[in-house]
Amino acid sequence: PAADLAVTKTAPETVPADGEISYGLHVVNHGPSDATGVKLTDPLPAGTQFVSASEGCSQAGGAVTCELGELKVGDERDFVAVAVQGR
């Protein structure tokens, strides 16, 4: 059986012009199996530029990629990425 990975993305409803957007990514393994070599890739919001991201994450080609490695059943990981609007 394969792992059932779920990803939830949270972001503010509004952002002021030229303001920073801080959004969260939450990953959980619902099982029934462990997952190995897990990598999460998420595109930056349209019209933004990358500012920073949690440790273990990097940015290339307009997307943030986070290396999760192994997620055992029930494991959860949280990441934050920050982008700036309109620069």
PDB file of N, CA and C in Angstrom:
ATOM      1  N   PRO A   1       0.826  -1.208   0.000  1.00  0.00           N
ATOM      2  CA  PRO A   1       0.000   0.000   0.000  1.00  0.00           C
ATOM      3  C   PRO A   1       0.865   1.265   0.000  1.00  0.00           C
ATOM      4  N   ALA A   2       0.365   2.283  -0.591  1.00  0.00           N
ATOM      5  CA  ALA A   2       1.091   3.543  -0.715  1.00  0.00           C
ATOM      6  C   ALA A   2       0.757   4.490   0.432  1.00  0.00           C
ATOM      7  N   ALA A   3       1.601   5.485   0.604  1.00  0.00           N
ATOM      8  CA  ALA A   3       1.353   6.526   1.597  1.00  0.00           C
ATOM      9  C   ALA A   3       0.314   7.495   1.051  1.00  0.00           C
ATOM     10  N   ASP A   4      -0.510   8.025   1.930  1.00  0.00           N
ATOM     11  CA  ASP A   4      -1.517   9.034   1.584  1.00  0.00           C
ATOM     12  C   ASP A   4      -1.039  10.351   2.176  1.00  0.00           C
ATOM     13  N   LEU A   5      -0.407  11.180   1.338  1.00  0.00           N
ATOM     14  CA  LEU A   5       0.104  12.467   1.790  1.00  0.00           C
ATOM     15  C   LEU A   5      -0.905  13.561   1.488  1.00  0.00           C
ATOM     16  N   ALA A   6      -1.168  14.407   2.482  1.00  0.00           N
ATOM     17  CA  ALA A   6      -2.087  15.531   2.299  1.00  0.00           C
ATOM     18  C   ALA A   6      -1.316  16.826   2.508  1.00  0.00           C
ATOM     19  N   VAL A   7      -1.593  17.817   1.656  1.00  0.00           N
ATOM     20  CA  VAL A   7      -0.955  19.124   1.747  1.00  0.00           C
ATOM     21  C   VAL A   7      -2.039  20.175   1.911  1.00  0.00           C
ATOM     22  N   THR A   8      -1.846  21.063   2.891  1.00  0.00           N
ATOM     23  CA  THR A   8      -2.756  22.192   3.097  1.00  0.00           C
ATOM     24  C   THR A   8      -1.943  23.468   2.965  1.00  0.00           C
ATOM     25  N   LYS A   9      -2.458  24.404   2.174  1.00  0.00           N
ATOM     26  CA  LYS A   9      -1.783  25.688   1.981  1.00  0.00           C
ATOM     27  C   LYS A   9      -2.660  26.779   2.573  1.00  0.00           C
ATOM     28  N   THR A  10      -2.055  27.642   3.391  1.00  0.00           N
ATOM     29  CA  THR A  10      -2.780  28.767   3.966  1.00  0.00           C
ATOM     30  C   THR A  10      -2.106  30.061   3.539  1.00  0.00           C
ATOM     31  N   ALA A  11      -2.914  31.088   3.302  1.00  0.00           N
ATOM     32  CA  ALA A  11      -2.390  32.379   2.875  1.00  0.00           C
ATOM     33  C   ALA A  11      -3.369  33.463   3.308  1.00  0.00           C
ATOM     34  N   PRO A  12      -2.882  34.690   3.441  1.00  0.00           N
ATOM     35  CA  PRO A  12      -3.785  35.782   3.810  1.00  0.00           C
ATOM     36  C   PRO A  12      -4.792  36.055   2.695  1.00  0.00           C
ATOM     37  N   GLU A  13      -5.960  36.546   3.087  1.00  0.00           N
ATOM     38  CA  GLU A  13      -6.989  36.859   2.089  1.00  0.00           C
ATOM     39  C   GLU A  13      -6.646  38.104   1.293  1.00  0.00           C
ATOM     40  N   THR A  14      -6.020  39.084   1.936  1.00  0.00           N
ATOM     41  CA  THR A  14      -5.637  40.314   1.236  1.00  0.00           C
ATOM     42  C   THR A  14      -4.196  40.658   1.571  1.00  0.00           C
ATOM     43  N   VAL A  15      -3.547  41.331   0.628  1.00  0.00           N
ATOM     44  CA  VAL A  15      -2.169  41.766   0.798  1.00  0.00           C
ATOM     45  C   VAL A  15      -2.067  43.173   0.241  1.00  0.00           C
ATOM     46  N   PRO A  16      -1.487  44.099   1.001  1.00  0.00           N
ATOM     47  CA  PRO A  16      -1.338  45.457   0.466  1.00  0.00           C
ATOM     48  C   PRO A  16      -0.388  45.483  -0.724  1.00  0.00           C
ATOM     49  N   ALA A  17      -0.561  46.451  -1.609  1.00  0.00           N
ATOM     50  CA  ALA A  17       0.328  46.596  -2.761  1.00  0.00           C
ATOM     51  C   ALA A  17       1.771  46.654  -2.270  1.00  0.00           C
ATOM     52  N   ASP A  18       2.650  45.973  -2.949  1.00  0.00           N
ATOM     53  CA  ASP A  18       4.065  45.875  -2.592  1.00  0.00           C
ATOM     54  C   ASP A  18       4.281  45.229  -1.222  1.00  0.00           C
ATOM     55  N   GLY A  19       3.274  44.546  -0.693  1.00  0.00           N
ATOM     56  CA  GLY A  19       3.386  43.912   0.616  1.00  0.00           C
ATOM     57  C   GLY A  19       3.878  42.485   0.522  1.00  0.00           C
ATOM     58  N   GLU A  20       4.387  41.985   1.645  1.00  0.00           N
ATOM     59  CA  GLU A  20       4.840  40.607   1.700  1.00  0.00           C
ATOM     60  C   GLU A  20       3.675  39.651   1.902  1.00  0.00           C
ATOM     61  N   ILE A  21       3.786  38.501   1.264  1.00  0.00           N
ATOM     62  CA  ILE A  21       2.816  37.424   1.401  1.00  0.00           C
ATOM     63  C   ILE A  21       3.526  36.283   2.117  1.00  0.00           C
ATOM     64  N   SER A  22       3.048  35.946   3.283  1.00  0.00           N
ATOM     65  CA  SER A  22       3.609  34.821   4.024  1.00  0.00           C
ATOM     66  C   SER A  22       2.566  33.713   3.992  1.00  0.00           C
ATOM     67  N   TYR A  23       2.925  32.584   3.384  1.00  0.00           N
ATOM     68  CA  TYR A  23       1.965  31.490   3.316  1.00  0.00           C
ATOM     69  C   TYR A  23       2.560  30.220   3.888  1.00  0.00           C
ATOM     70  N   GLY A  24       1.698  29.407   4.438  1.00  0.00           N
ATOM     71  CA  GLY A  24       2.130  28.185   5.093  1.00  0.00           C
ATOM     72  C   GLY A  24       1.778  26.953   4.290  1.00  0.00           C
ATOM     73  N   LEU A  25       2.621  25.946   4.425  1.00  0.00           N
ATOM     74  CA  LEU A  25       2.391  24.639   3.795  1.00  0.00           C
ATOM     75  C   LEU A  25       2.466  23.590   4.902  1.00  0.00           C
ATOM     76  N   HIS A  26       1.429  22.801   5.029  1.00  0.00           N
ATOM     77  CA  HIS A  26       1.359  21.752   6.048  1.00  0.00           C
ATOM     78  C   HIS A  26       1.226  20.413   5.331  1.00  0.00           C
ATOM     79  N   VAL A  27       2.116  19.473   5.658  1.00  0.00           N
ATOM     80  CA  VAL A  27       2.115  18.153   5.021  1.00  0.00           C
ATOM     81  C   VAL A  27       1.941  17.101   6.110  1.00  0.00           C
ATOM     82  N   VAL A  28       1.064  16.122   5.852  1.00  0.00           N
ATOM     83  CA  VAL A  28       0.858  15.026   6.796  1.00  0.00           C
ATOM     84  C   VAL A  28       0.762  13.711   6.022  1.00  0.00           C
ATOM     85  N   ASN A  29       1.314  12.659   6.616  1.00  0.00           N
ATOM     86  CA  ASN A  29       1.218  11.319   6.027  1.00  0.00           C
ATOM     87  C   ASN A  29       0.133  10.554   6.772  1.00  0.00           C
ATOM     88  N   HIS A  30      -0.963  10.289   6.087  1.00  0.00           N
ATOM     89  CA  HIS A  30      -2.094   9.562   6.674  1.00  0.00           C
ATOM     90  C   HIS A  30      -1.938   8.039   6.558  1.00  0.00           C
ATOM     91  N   GLY A  31      -0.807   7.579   5.989  1.00  0.00           N
ATOM     92  CA  GLY A  31      -0.575   6.134   5.889  1.00  0.00           C
ATOM     93  C   GLY A  31      -1.299   5.507   4.719  1.00  0.00           C
ATOM     94  N   PRO A  32      -1.349   4.252   4.614  1.00  0.00           N
ATOM     95  CA  PRO A  32      -0.955   3.254   5.593  1.00  0.00           C
ATOM     96  C   PRO A  32       0.544   2.957   5.612  1.00  0.00           C
ATOM     97  N   SER A  33       1.311   3.544   4.674  1.00  0.00           N
ATOM     98  CA  SER A  33       2.746   3.246   4.600  1.00  0.00           C
ATOM     99  C   SER A  33       3.573   4.497   4.853  1.00  0.00           C
ATOM    100  N   ASP A  34       4.836   4.302   5.252  1.00  0.00           N
ATOM    101  CA  ASP A  34       5.781   5.404   5.337  1.00  0.00           C
ATOM    102  C   ASP A  34       6.079   5.886   3.920  1.00  0.00           C
ATOM    103  N   ALA A  35       6.508   7.140   3.800  1.00  0.00           N
ATOM    104  CA  ALA A  35       6.889   7.704   2.505  1.00  0.00           C
ATOM    105  C   ALA A  35       8.357   8.106   2.566  1.00  0.00           C
ATOM    106  N   THR A  36       9.119   7.792   1.529  1.00  0.00           N
ATOM    107  CA  THR A  36      10.536   8.155   1.488  1.00  0.00           C
ATOM    108  C   THR A  36      10.801   9.042   0.276  1.00  0.00           C
ATOM    109  N   GLY A  37      11.852   9.844   0.381  1.00  0.00           N
ATOM    110  CA  GLY A  37      12.222  10.717  -0.732  1.00  0.00           C
ATOM    111  C   GLY A  37      11.172  11.771  -1.043  1.00  0.00           C
ATOM    112  N   VAL A  38      10.457  12.228  -0.035  1.00  0.00           N
ATOM    113  CA  VAL A  38       9.356  13.171  -0.257  1.00  0.00           C
ATOM    114  C   VAL A  38       9.908  14.568  -0.531  1.00  0.00           C
ATOM    115  N   LYS A  39       9.375  15.181  -1.573  1.00  0.00           N
ATOM    116  CA  LYS A  39       9.735  16.536  -1.968  1.00  0.00           C
ATOM    117  C   LYS A  39       8.440  17.282  -2.306  1.00  0.00           C
ATOM    118  N   LEU A  40       8.265  18.444  -1.720  1.00  0.00           N
ATOM    119  CA  LEU A  40       7.078  19.270  -1.967  1.00  0.00           C
ATOM    120  C   LEU A  40       7.487  20.453  -2.826  1.00  0.00           C
ATOM    121  N   THR A  41       6.825  20.639  -3.962  1.00  0.00           N
ATOM    122  CA  THR A  41       7.077  21.781  -4.831  1.00  0.00           C
ATOM    123  C   THR A  41       5.793  22.565  -4.980  1.00  0.00           C
ATOM    124  N   ASP A  42       5.887  23.890  -4.726  1.00  0.00           N
ATOM    125  CA  ASP A  42       4.709  24.754  -4.776  1.00  0.00           C
ATOM    126  C   ASP A  42       5.056  26.022  -5.550  1.00  0.00           C
ATOM    127  N   PRO A  43       4.265  26.363  -6.579  1.00  0.00           N
ATOM    128  CA  PRO A  43       4.557  27.580  -7.350  1.00  0.00           C
ATOM    129  C   PRO A  43       4.315  28.832  -6.509  1.00  0.00           C
ATOM    130  N   LEU A  44       5.156  29.848  -6.726  1.00  0.00           N
ATOM    131  CA  LEU A  44       4.938  31.132  -6.075  1.00  0.00           C
ATOM    132  C   LEU A  44       3.657  31.755  -6.612  1.00  0.00           C
ATOM    133  N   PRO A  45       2.949  32.537  -5.785  1.00  0.00           N
ATOM    134  CA  PRO A  45       1.745  33.209  -6.285  1.00  0.00           C
ATOM    135  C   PRO A  45       2.077  34.104  -7.476  1.00  0.00           C
ATOM    136  N   ALA A  46       1.151  34.213  -8.402  1.00  0.00           N
ATOM    137  CA  ALA A  46       1.353  35.034  -9.601  1.00  0.00           C
ATOM    138  C   ALA A  46       1.684  36.472  -9.215  1.00  0.00           C
ATOM    139  N   GLY A  47       2.620  37.072  -9.934  1.00  0.00           N
ATOM    140  CA  GLY A  47       2.977  38.466  -9.723  1.00  0.00           C
ATOM    141  C   GLY A  47       3.822  38.723  -8.489  1.00  0.00           C
ATOM    142  N   THR A  48       4.464  37.673  -7.953  1.00  0.00           N
ATOM    143  CA  THR A  48       5.292  37.844  -6.760  1.00  0.00           C
ATOM    144  C   THR A  48       6.732  37.427  -7.026  1.00  0.00           C
ATOM    145  N   GLN A  49       7.600  37.832  -6.123  1.00  0.00           N
ATOM    146  CA  GLN A  49       8.997  37.419  -6.156  1.00  0.00           C
ATOM    147  C   GLN A  49       9.347  36.793  -4.814  1.00  0.00           C
ATOM    148  N   PHE A  50      10.164  35.787  -4.851  1.00  0.00           N
ATOM    149  CA  PHE A  50      10.587  35.053  -3.661  1.00  0.00           C
ATOM    150  C   PHE A  50      11.383  35.945  -2.715  1.00  0.00           C
ATOM    151  N   VAL A  51      11.123  35.803  -1.394  1.00  0.00           N
ATOM    152  CA  VAL A  51      11.879  36.504  -0.368  1.00  0.00           C
ATOM    153  C   VAL A  51      12.629  35.495   0.504  1.00  0.00           C
ATOM    154  N   SER A  52      11.905  34.525   1.072  1.00  0.00           N
ATOM    155  CA  SER A  52      12.545  33.549   1.953  1.00  0.00           C
ATOM    156  C   SER A  52      11.638  32.334   2.124  1.00  0.00           C
ATOM    157  N   ALA A  53      12.202  31.298   2.743  1.00  0.00           N
ATOM    158  CA  ALA A  53      11.418  30.093   3.042  1.00  0.00           C
ATOM    159  C   ALA A  53      12.074  29.372   4.216  1.00  0.00           C
ATOM    160  N   SER A  54      11.342  28.457   4.802  1.00  0.00           N
ATOM    161  CA  SER A  54      11.828  27.668   5.925  1.00  0.00           C
ATOM    162  C   SER A  54      13.093  26.907   5.556  1.00  0.00           C
ATOM    163  N   GLU A  55      13.845  26.535   6.588  1.00  0.00           N
ATOM    164  CA  GLU A  55      15.028  25.710   6.386  1.00  0.00           C
ATOM    165  C   GLU A  55      14.626  24.416   5.686  1.00  0.00           C
ATOM    166  N   GLY A  56      15.441  23.988   4.739  1.00  0.00           N
ATOM    167  CA  GLY A  56      15.145  22.792   3.966  1.00  0.00           C
ATOM    168  C   GLY A  56      14.402  23.086   2.683  1.00  0.00           C
ATOM    169  N   CYS A  57      14.086  24.371   2.474  1.00  0.00           N
ATOM    170  CA  CYS A  57      13.370  24.783   1.262  1.00  0.00           C
ATOM    171  C   CYS A  57      14.274  25.685   0.425  1.00  0.00           C
ATOM    172  N   SER A  58      14.038  25.681  -0.878  1.00  0.00           N
ATOM    173  CA  SER A  58      14.774  26.541  -1.787  1.00  0.00           C
ATOM    174  C   SER A  58      13.827  27.005  -2.878  1.00  0.00           C
ATOM    175  N   GLN A  59      14.281  27.971  -3.672  1.00  0.00           N
ATOM    176  CA  GLN A  59      13.456  28.516  -4.744  1.00  0.00           C
ATOM    177  C   GLN A  59      14.210  28.443  -6.050  1.00  0.00           C
ATOM    178  N   ALA A  60      13.515  28.029  -7.083  1.00  0.00           N
ATOM    179  CA  ALA A  60      14.071  28.019  -8.438  1.00  0.00           C
ATOM    180  C   ALA A  60      12.913  27.976  -9.419  1.00  0.00           C
ATOM    181  N   GLY A  61      13.056  28.695 -10.501  1.00  0.00           N
ATOM    182  CA  GLY A  61      12.058  28.632 -11.564  1.00  0.00           C
ATOM    183  C   GLY A  61      10.656  29.019 -11.138  1.00  0.00           C
ATOM    184  N   GLY A  62      10.529  29.943 -10.183  1.00  0.00           N
ATOM    185  CA  GLY A  62       9.209  30.403  -9.775  1.00  0.00           C
ATOM    186  C   GLY A  62       8.469  29.457  -8.844  1.00  0.00           C
ATOM    187  N   ALA A  63       9.183  28.543  -8.223  1.00  0.00           N
ATOM    188  CA  ALA A  63       8.548  27.605  -7.300  1.00  0.00           C
ATOM    189  C   ALA A  63       9.432  27.399  -6.071  1.00  0.00           C
ATOM    190  N   VAL A  64       8.794  27.129  -4.948  1.00  0.00           N
ATOM    191  CA  VAL A  64       9.495  26.786  -3.718  1.00  0.00           C
ATOM    192  C   VAL A  64       9.465  25.265  -3.596  1.00  0.00           C
ATOM    193  N   THR A  65      10.635  24.675  -3.336  1.00  0.00           N
ATOM    194  CA  THR A  65      10.743  23.230  -3.160  1.00  0.00           C
ATOM    195  C   THR A  65      11.284  22.944  -1.767  1.00  0.00           C
ATOM    196  N   CYS A  66      10.587  22.070  -1.039  1.00  0.00           N
ATOM    197  CA  CYS A  66      10.993  21.681   0.307  1.00  0.00           C
ATOM    198  C   CYS A  66      11.300  20.191   0.314  1.00  0.00           C
ATOM    199  N   GLU A  67      12.477  19.859   0.791  1.00  0.00           N
ATOM    200  CA  GLU A  67      12.912  18.468   0.899  1.00  0.00           C
ATOM    201  C   GLU A  67      12.430  17.922   2.245  1.00  0.00           C
ATOM    202  N   LEU A  68      11.531  16.956   2.222  1.00  0.00           N
ATOM    203  CA  LEU A  68      10.997  16.391   3.446  1.00  0.00           C
ATOM    204  C   LEU A  68      11.679  15.086   3.819  1.00  0.00           C
ATOM    205  N   GLY A  69      12.250  14.408   2.835  1.00  0.00           N
ATOM    206  CA  GLY A  69      12.887  13.121   3.107  1.00  0.00           C
ATOM    207  C   GLY A  69      11.855  12.062   3.450  1.00  0.00           C
ATOM    208  N   GLU A  70      11.986  11.456   4.630  1.00  0.00           N
ATOM    209  CA  GLU A  70      11.064  10.393   5.038  1.00  0.00           C
ATOM    210  C   GLU A  70       9.952  10.951   5.920  1.00  0.00           C
ATOM    211  N   LEU A  71       8.731  10.520   5.629  1.00  0.00           N
ATOM    212  CA  LEU A  71       7.577  10.830   6.473  1.00  0.00           C
ATOM    213  C   LEU A  71       6.962   9.516   6.912  1.00  0.00           C
ATOM    214  N   LYS A  72       7.096   9.201   8.164  1.00  0.00           N
ATOM    215  CA  LYS A  72       6.469   7.995   8.693  1.00  0.00           C
ATOM    216  C   LYS A  72       4.972   8.243   8.839  1.00  0.00           C
ATOM    217  N   VAL A  73       4.199   7.192   8.960  1.00  0.00           N
ATOM    218  CA  VAL A  73       2.755   7.324   9.136  1.00  0.00           C
ATOM    219  C   VAL A  73       2.494   8.214  10.346  1.00  0.00           C
ATOM    220  N   GLY A  74       1.674   9.241  10.155  1.00  0.00           N
ATOM    221  CA  GLY A  74       1.334  10.168  11.228  1.00  0.00           C
ATOM    222  C   GLY A  74       2.245  11.377  11.328  1.00  0.00           C
ATOM    223  N   ASP A  75       3.400  11.363  10.641  1.00  0.00           N
ATOM    224  CA  ASP A  75       4.303  12.513  10.675  1.00  0.00           C
ATOM    225  C   ASP A  75       3.665  13.722  10.014  1.00  0.00           C
ATOM    226  N   GLU A  76       3.980  14.894  10.560  1.00  0.00           N
ATOM    227  CA  GLU A  76       3.514  16.164  10.003  1.00  0.00           C
ATOM    228  C   GLU A  76       4.693  17.113   9.910  1.00  0.00           C
ATOM    229  N   ARG A  77       4.700  17.958   8.883  1.00  0.00           N
ATOM    230  CA  ARG A  77       5.749  18.970   8.718  1.00  0.00           C
ATOM    231  C   ARG A  77       5.087  20.278   8.293  1.00  0.00           C
ATOM    232  N   ASP A  78       5.653  21.371   8.775  1.00  0.00           N
ATOM    233  CA  ASP A  78       5.167  22.707   8.423  1.00  0.00           C
ATOM    234  C   ASP A  78       6.294  23.534   7.841  1.00  0.00           C
ATOM    235  N   PHE A  79       5.961  24.305   6.805  1.00  0.00           N
ATOM    236  CA  PHE A  79       6.919  25.186   6.148  1.00  0.00           C
ATOM    237  C   PHE A  79       6.247  26.534   5.916  1.00  0.00           C
ATOM    238  N   VAL A  80       7.076  27.579   5.871  1.00  0.00           N
ATOM    239  CA  VAL A  80       6.580  28.926   5.563  1.00  0.00           C
ATOM    240  C   VAL A  80       7.405  29.471   4.408  1.00  0.00           C
ATOM    241  N   ALA A  81       6.726  30.077   3.462  1.00  0.00           N
ATOM    242  CA  ALA A  81       7.393  30.763   2.356  1.00  0.00           C
ATOM    243  C   ALA A  81       6.914  32.208   2.337  1.00  0.00           C
ATOM    244  N   VAL A  82       7.815  33.116   1.992  1.00  0.00           N
ATOM    245  CA  VAL A  82       7.484  34.531   1.934  1.00  0.00           C
ATOM    246  C   VAL A  82       7.820  35.050   0.545  1.00  0.00           C
ATOM    247  N   ALA A  83       6.887  35.771  -0.040  1.00  0.00           N
ATOM    248  CA  ALA A  83       7.068  36.394  -1.339  1.00  0.00           C
ATOM    249  C   ALA A  83       6.630  37.855  -1.210  1.00  0.00           C
ATOM    250  N   VAL A  84       7.084  38.679  -2.123  1.00  0.00           N
ATOM    251  CA  VAL A  84       6.671  40.080  -2.121  1.00  0.00           C
ATOM    252  C   VAL A  84       5.911  40.351  -3.415  1.00  0.00           C
ATOM    253  N   GLN A  85       4.868  41.117  -3.272  1.00  0.00           N
ATOM    254  CA  GLN A  85       3.976  41.434  -4.389  1.00  0.00           C
ATOM    255  C   GLN A  85       4.534  42.588  -5.221  1.00  0.00           C
ATOM    256  N   GLY A  86       4.520  42.413  -6.531  1.00  0.00           N
ATOM    257  CA  GLY A  86       4.729  43.509  -7.469  1.00  0.00           C
ATOM    258  C   GLY A  86       6.075  44.200  -7.465  1.00  0.00           C
ATOM    259  N   ARG A  87       7.161  43.516  -7.202  1.00  0.00           N
ATOM    260  CA  ARG A  87       8.478  44.170  -7.292  1.00  0.00           C
ATOM    261  C   ARG A  87       9.244  43.613  -8.457  1.00  0.00           C
TER     262      ARG A  87
END
